[in-house]
Amino acid sequence: MMKQITPCLWFDPEKLGAKEAADLYCSVFENSKITAQSPIVTEIEVSGYRFVLLDGGPMYQPNSSISFFYICENEEELNRIWNAFREEGKILMPLDNYPWSEKYGWITDKFGVSWQLALGKISDTGQKITPCLTFTGKQYGRVDEAIAHYTSVFKQVSVDGILRYGANESPDKEGMVKHAQIAIDGQKMMLMESAAEHQFTFTEGVSFTIYCETQEEIDYYWSKLTESGAESMCGWLKDKFGVSWQIIPTMLGKIMSDPAKAGKAAQAFMSMKKLNIEQIVQASIS
């Protein structure tokens, strides 16, 4: 079960929508392009890393609980992105020298999407962009549990390293996870936890999409990820830590790109929680 896990960013088209975000990202990130557009969904690729940008409405918006660690291999690239995001954005950690990077900054752009920009080498992580989950509030102290859970769900998971807090790093407790890196089916993911006061937690503003070829795969991931979590609608769910996932059949994109089938298919899956491939197909041709 080799799965590509794709981040989905939620936007409000009445304010700052997906198309505007896609235009900004493709103007500042190297090797980036818009790969698909529809009235609701825009897909982009940045150095081979996929994002889905969803015009979902005013209900949710991205926040810093899930950020994206972006490696810049030269200062010109880092400064260009930082300056673009600083306009109407919010600086969380100033661009400066830190123990883990000679030049690093954490910033939220005007869409609410959070980025950790660091000068470094792609060989350090193996990919240009890495999602980073920050466990705070009620989720603080659960990173070890999360790593164990995701290791049990996904078939090919490796733990690349775990750095823990020491005795004198208040308010964090000694032994809690300062930074961890795992690989799920070859895709890197970072996890951190912080006891400091934060005004964010995991929401649907940033979710992760798993594309499945078969109903068996959909059933498997739905069952595993809703364990002690919560089912939502249209293939969405929350896992036990509050992280949102979408379990989507790969064939849905093809059906939704066919004007003769899209409306009927959408009417069918809008009434579903876990998506059923056969029922969607039958509805689209009825």
Foldseek 3Di string as FASTA:
>chain_A
DQWDKEKEAEFAVVPQFDVNVLVLCVVQAPPKDWDDDDPFWTWMAGQNHIYIYGNPHDPDAAADQKAKEFEDQDVVSLVSVVVSQVVCKAWPADFAQDPVARTWTWIQGNRNHIYIYGHDDCVVPVDRMAMEGEQEDPRAQCPVVVLVLLPVQAPDKDWPDWDFDPPPPPPDHGPGTQKTWMAGSNGIYMYHYDHDDDPDFADVSMAIEIEDADVVVLVSNVVSQCVCWAWDALQWTAGNRRHIYGYHYPCLVVQCVDPQQNVQLCVVRRPGGRDDVVSSVVSSVD
